[in-house]
Protein backbone atom coordinates (compact mmCIF):
# COMPACT_ATOMS: atom_id res chain seq x y z
CA MET A 1 6.89 -29.46 -12.66
CA LYS A 2 4.87 -28.68 -9.53
CA GLU A 3 1.15 -28.36 -10.22
CA THR A 4 -0.36 -24.93 -9.71
CA ILE A 5 -2.62 -24.75 -6.66
CA GLU A 6 -5.31 -22.11 -6.41
CA TYR A 7 -5.51 -20.29 -3.10
CA LYS A 8 -8.15 -18.25 -1.31
CA VAL A 9 -7.54 -15.18 0.86
CA PRO A 10 -10.69 -13.98 2.66
CA THR A 11 -10.79 -10.49 4.16
CA MET A 12 -11.99 -9.54 7.64
CA ALA A 13 -14.69 -7.37 6.04
CA GLU A 14 -16.06 -10.37 4.10
CA MET A 15 -15.99 -12.60 7.18
CA ALA A 16 -17.66 -9.97 9.36
CA ALA A 17 -20.38 -9.46 6.74
CA ASN A 18 -21.09 -13.21 6.90
CA GLY A 19 -21.08 -13.21 10.72
CA GLN A 20 -17.87 -15.29 10.84
CA GLU A 21 -14.68 -15.02 12.86
CA PRO A 22 -11.27 -16.35 11.76
CA GLU A 23 -8.93 -18.45 13.92
CA VAL A 24 -6.20 -15.94 13.15
CA LEU A 25 -5.71 -12.65 11.35
CA PHE A 26 -2.79 -12.89 8.91
CA TRP A 27 -0.94 -9.55 9.02
CA VAL A 28 0.64 -9.44 5.55
CA GLY A 29 2.86 -6.37 6.01
CA CYS A 30 4.26 -3.96 3.41
CA ALA A 31 6.86 -6.38 2.02
CA GLY A 32 4.42 -9.28 1.84
CA SER A 33 2.00 -7.06 -0.07
CA PHE A 34 4.23 -5.08 -2.41
CA ASP A 35 7.72 -6.61 -2.70
CA ASP A 36 7.76 -9.00 -5.68
CA ARG A 37 10.10 -11.47 -3.96
CA TYR A 38 8.28 -11.50 -0.64
CA LYS A 39 4.85 -11.82 -2.24
CA LYS A 40 5.96 -15.40 -2.96
CA VAL A 41 6.33 -15.96 0.78
CA THR A 42 2.82 -14.62 1.38
CA ILE A 43 1.47 -17.04 -1.25
CA SER A 44 3.37 -20.01 0.24
CA PHE A 45 2.04 -19.25 3.71
CA VAL A 46 -1.53 -18.83 2.45
CA LYS A 47 -1.29 -22.13 0.49
CA ILE A 48 -0.21 -23.94 3.66
CA LEU A 49 -3.15 -22.49 5.64
CA ASN A 50 -5.59 -23.32 2.80
CA LYS A 51 -4.27 -26.87 2.49
CA ILE A 52 -4.74 -27.75 6.16
CA GLY A 53 -8.01 -25.82 6.53
CA VAL A 54 -7.01 -22.99 8.87
CA LYS A 55 -9.77 -20.38 9.00
CA PHE A 56 -7.89 -17.10 8.55
CA ALA A 57 -8.44 -13.63 7.12
CA VAL A 58 -6.47 -10.55 6.10
CA LEU A 59 -7.35 -6.88 6.43
CA GLY A 60 -6.63 -6.23 2.76
CA THR A 61 -6.85 -2.53 1.88
CA GLU A 62 -7.65 -1.74 5.52
CA GLU A 63 -4.13 -2.76 6.59
CA ALA A 64 -1.55 0.04 6.83
CA CYS A 65 2.15 -0.09 7.66
CA THR A 66 2.68 -0.81 11.37
CA GLY A 67 4.86 2.31 11.57
CA ASP A 68 8.01 0.36 12.48
CA PRO A 69 10.29 1.99 9.86
CA ALA A 70 9.09 5.45 10.84
CA ARG A 71 9.79 4.88 14.55
CA ARG A 72 13.22 3.37 13.87
CA ALA A 73 14.09 6.37 11.70
CA GLY A 74 13.02 8.75 14.45
CA ASN A 75 9.61 9.88 13.15
CA GLU A 76 7.48 9.22 16.22
CA PHE A 77 4.53 11.27 14.96
CA THR A 78 4.11 9.11 11.83
CA PHE A 79 4.50 5.93 13.90
CA GLN A 80 1.73 6.92 16.33
CA MET A 81 -0.55 8.05 13.50
CA LEU A 82 -0.18 4.71 11.67
CA ALA A 83 -0.41 2.67 14.87
CA GLN A 84 -3.60 4.36 16.06
CA GLN A 85 -5.17 3.90 12.62
CA ASN A 86 -4.36 0.16 12.66
CA ILE A 87 -5.49 -0.30 16.26
CA GLN A 88 -8.84 1.33 15.46
CA VAL A 89 -9.37 -1.15 12.59
CA LEU A 90 -8.17 -4.21 14.59
CA ASN A 91 -10.30 -3.32 17.64
CA GLY A 92 -13.24 -2.63 15.36
CA TYR A 93 -13.09 -6.27 14.25
CA SER A 94 -12.39 -7.49 17.82
CA VAL A 95 -9.18 -9.16 16.63
CA LYS A 96 -7.60 -11.41 19.25
CA LYS A 97 -4.86 -13.37 17.48
CA ILE A 98 -2.44 -12.14 14.78
CA VAL A 99 0.13 -14.07 12.74
CA THR A 100 2.72 -12.30 10.65
CA ALA A 101 5.73 -13.39 8.54
CA CYS A 102 7.61 -10.15 9.27
CA PRO A 103 9.62 -9.88 12.54
CA HIS A 104 9.45 -6.07 12.33
CA CYS A 105 5.64 -6.17 12.22
CA PHE A 106 5.67 -8.89 14.89
CA ASN A 107 7.81 -6.88 17.28
CA THR A 108 5.82 -3.68 16.80
CA LEU A 109 2.38 -5.28 17.10
CA LYS A 110 3.42 -7.40 20.09
CA ASN A 111 5.55 -5.03 22.10
CA GLU A 112 4.70 -1.47 21.04
CA TYR A 113 0.96 -1.43 20.23
CA PRO A 114 -0.19 -2.27 23.79
CA GLU A 115 0.90 1.16 25.06
CA LEU A 116 -1.50 2.69 22.50
CA GLY A 117 -4.42 0.41 23.30
CA GLY A 118 -3.74 -2.47 20.90
CA ASN A 119 -3.59 -5.71 22.91
CA TYR A 120 -3.40 -8.89 20.86
CA GLU A 121 -1.81 -12.33 20.90
CA VAL A 122 0.87 -11.89 18.21
CA ILE A 123 2.75 -14.87 16.76
CA HIS A 124 5.51 -14.98 14.19
CA HIS A 125 4.84 -17.42 11.35
CA SER A 126 7.85 -19.58 12.30
CA THR A 127 6.34 -20.24 15.74
CA TYR A 128 2.84 -20.65 14.35
CA LEU A 129 3.88 -23.15 11.65
CA GLN A 130 5.84 -25.18 14.20
CA GLN A 131 2.77 -25.21 16.48
CA LEU A 132 0.69 -26.56 13.57
CA ILE A 133 3.31 -29.29 13.02
CA ASN A 134 3.30 -30.17 16.75
CA GLU A 135 -0.53 -30.39 16.69
CA GLY A 136 -0.37 -32.77 13.73
CA ARG A 137 -2.24 -30.39 11.42
CA ILE A 138 0.78 -30.02 9.11
CA LYS A 139 2.21 -33.34 8.00
CA ILE A 140 5.51 -33.75 6.13
CA GLU A 141 5.99 -37.21 4.66
CA GLY A 142 9.59 -38.36 5.18
CA GLY A 143 11.10 -34.91 5.14
CA GLY A 144 9.56 -33.91 1.82
CA SER A 145 11.83 -32.90 -1.06
CA PHE A 146 14.88 -32.32 1.11
CA LYS A 147 15.82 -35.87 2.03
CA ASP A 148 16.59 -36.91 -1.56
CA GLY A 149 16.29 -40.55 -0.46
CA MET A 150 19.99 -40.97 0.25
CA PRO A 151 22.89 -39.31 2.12
CA PRO A 152 24.25 -36.74 2.16
CA ARG A 153 21.24 -34.71 3.25
CA GLN A 154 20.80 -31.23 1.81
CA LYS A 155 22.53 -28.58 3.90
CA ILE A 156 20.54 -25.56 5.08
CA THR A 157 21.83 -22.70 7.18
CA TYR A 158 19.50 -20.36 9.05
CA HIS A 159 20.04 -16.60 9.51
CA ASP A 160 18.56 -15.22 12.75
CA SER A 161 16.54 -12.03 12.27
CA CYS A 162 17.44 -9.47 14.98
CA TYR A 163 13.79 -8.69 15.76
CA LEU A 164 12.93 -12.37 16.04
CA GLY A 165 16.04 -13.56 17.90
CA ARG A 166 17.71 -11.04 20.13
CA ALA A 167 14.64 -8.75 20.46
CA ASN A 168 12.10 -11.51 21.20
CA ASP A 169 14.21 -14.57 22.10
CA ILE A 170 12.75 -16.79 19.33
CA TYR A 171 15.55 -19.12 18.27
CA GLU A 172 14.23 -22.67 18.48
CA ALA A 173 10.96 -22.60 16.49
CA PRO A 174 12.62 -21.76 13.15
CA ARG A 175 15.28 -24.43 13.70
CA GLN A 176 12.72 -27.07 14.74
CA LEU A 177 10.77 -26.27 11.58
CA LEU A 178 13.87 -26.82 9.44
CA GLU A 179 14.69 -30.07 11.23
CA ASN A 180 11.21 -31.35 10.23
CA LEU A 181 12.38 -31.08 6.61
CA ASP A 182 15.00 -33.74 7.37
CA ALA A 183 17.69 -31.45 5.97
CA GLU A 184 21.07 -31.01 7.66
CA LEU A 185 20.97 -27.73 9.57
CA VAL A 186 24.46 -26.23 9.67
CA GLU A 187 24.95 -23.18 11.91
CA MET A 188 27.01 -20.13 11.05
CA LYS A 189 29.78 -19.27 13.52
CA ARG A 190 27.76 -16.22 14.59
CA CYS A 191 24.27 -17.42 15.38
CA LYS A 192 21.47 -17.23 17.96
CA THR A 193 22.35 -14.69 20.68
CA ASN A 194 25.65 -14.01 18.94
CA GLY A 195 24.02 -13.58 15.49
CA LEU A 196 24.98 -10.76 13.13
CA CYS A 197 22.43 -8.33 11.69
CA CYS A 198 21.75 -8.59 7.94
CA GLY A 199 22.43 -4.85 7.70
CA ALA A 200 18.84 -3.62 7.17
CA GLY A 201 17.49 -3.24 10.72
CA GLY A 202 16.88 -0.05 12.65
CA GLY A 203 15.82 1.87 9.53
CA GLN A 204 19.07 1.11 7.69
CA MET A 205 17.07 -0.54 4.91
CA PHE A 206 15.90 2.89 3.74
CA LYS A 207 19.08 4.96 3.88
CA ASP A 208 22.45 5.07 2.19
CA ALA A 209 25.29 3.09 3.73
CA GLU A 210 27.58 4.92 6.16
CA LYS A 211 31.29 5.21 5.67
CA GLY A 212 33.16 1.95 6.15
CA THR A 213 35.23 -0.73 4.45
CA LYS A 214 32.52 -3.40 3.96
CA GLU A 215 28.73 -3.63 3.80
CA VAL A 216 27.17 -5.54 6.73
CA ASN A 217 25.27 -7.87 4.41
CA ILE A 218 28.50 -8.86 2.64
CA GLU A 219 30.07 -9.75 5.98
CA ARG A 220 26.98 -11.79 6.84
CA ILE A 221 26.73 -13.61 3.52
CA GLU A 222 30.37 -14.66 3.97
CA ASP A 223 29.32 -16.29 7.27
CA ALA A 224 26.56 -18.15 5.41
CA LEU A 225 28.72 -19.29 2.48
CA ALA A 226 31.39 -20.55 4.88
CA THR A 227 28.92 -23.25 6.09
CA GLY A 228 28.88 -24.83 2.62
CA ALA A 229 25.06 -24.78 2.58
CA LYS A 230 23.38 -24.22 -0.77
CA THR A 231 20.13 -23.05 0.88
CA ILE A 232 19.97 -20.03 3.22
CA ALA A 233 16.78 -19.92 5.26
CA VAL A 234 15.44 -16.60 6.48
CA ALA A 235 12.29 -15.55 8.33
CA CYS A 236 12.19 -11.84 7.55
CA PRO A 237 11.62 -9.76 4.36
CA PHE A 238 14.50 -7.37 5.23
CA CYS A 239 16.88 -10.31 5.70
CA MET A 240 15.60 -11.79 2.44
CA VAL A 241 16.62 -8.65 0.51
CA MET A 242 20.01 -8.27 2.18
CA MET A 243 21.03 -11.94 1.96
CA SER A 244 19.88 -12.16 -1.71
CA ASP A 245 21.88 -9.03 -2.53
CA GLY A 246 24.90 -10.55 -0.79
CA ILE A 247 24.59 -13.70 -2.93
CA LYS A 248 24.51 -11.55 -6.08
CA ASN A 249 27.55 -9.59 -4.89
CA LYS A 250 29.46 -12.88 -4.55
CA GLU A 251 28.09 -14.04 -7.95
CA ARG A 252 26.73 -17.23 -6.37
CA GLU A 253 23.03 -16.86 -7.28
CA HIS A 254 23.33 -19.81 -9.70
CA ASP A 255 24.03 -22.32 -6.92
CA VAL A 256 23.03 -20.75 -3.58
CA LYS A 257 19.37 -19.87 -2.93
CA VAL A 258 17.63 -17.82 -0.24
CA TYR A 259 14.21 -18.99 0.92
CA ASP A 260 11.78 -18.09 3.67
CA LEU A 261 10.78 -20.82 6.11
CA ALA A 262 7.22 -20.86 4.71
CA GLU A 263 8.50 -21.51 1.19
CA LEU A 264 10.68 -24.40 2.33
CA LEU A 265 7.80 -25.93 4.32
CA GLU A 266 5.36 -25.56 1.42
CA GLN A 267 7.90 -27.27 -0.93
CA ALA A 268 8.17 -30.18 1.51
CA MET A 269 4.40 -30.72 2.01
């Protein structure tokens, strides 16, 4: 049984009160804050940062939704209201660098906030974690728990988030991170620029399915299961929900697991 590790999550308000500045602001996002499954990803990411001594902070109760779901669903007024509120807080703390585990938050903060006066260096956690590995700050001894000491290596397949891949051209960092685990990365037939959406993007997460013969996430989980991998890696809370639901639909939750990249890396450290 893995020993329980305590973790610390300082807020920007606490740091500012002590005259300190973090290396990065960790933007937790709605899913990372409130969704029971994705809270585990937040904890894994924080434990990694604590373990290697990264000086970070969160906004805590000062963080609001980025407004991404509202804009995708066509409610521009709510988007701008939320965005301006967040920008006021971020600029008030003179935030320069933001890391987030959510591609939807990442895309909005990086590409849509500048037009409203929010200019920051925004990094998705897959890229950030790989940078920390490249810098030698994160060390994985012999591939961690995935090598098993003998062939065959554990198979992992990676599902590309639309807002990470096709929207922002981030394909290699998540795969490099998985290769550090010394697992066998097996690609789905539809991957990278030809990847298939999990079915939740563009506001679809929050509305009923439209008429059709098959749910998108069922189509996508069939792609994943066809690889023979018992671990499906994701880098997005929306993808986590849709892929997990697909596994349950196929009644494979006993032998196929869905994990975020941060969880897999924390397990291997």
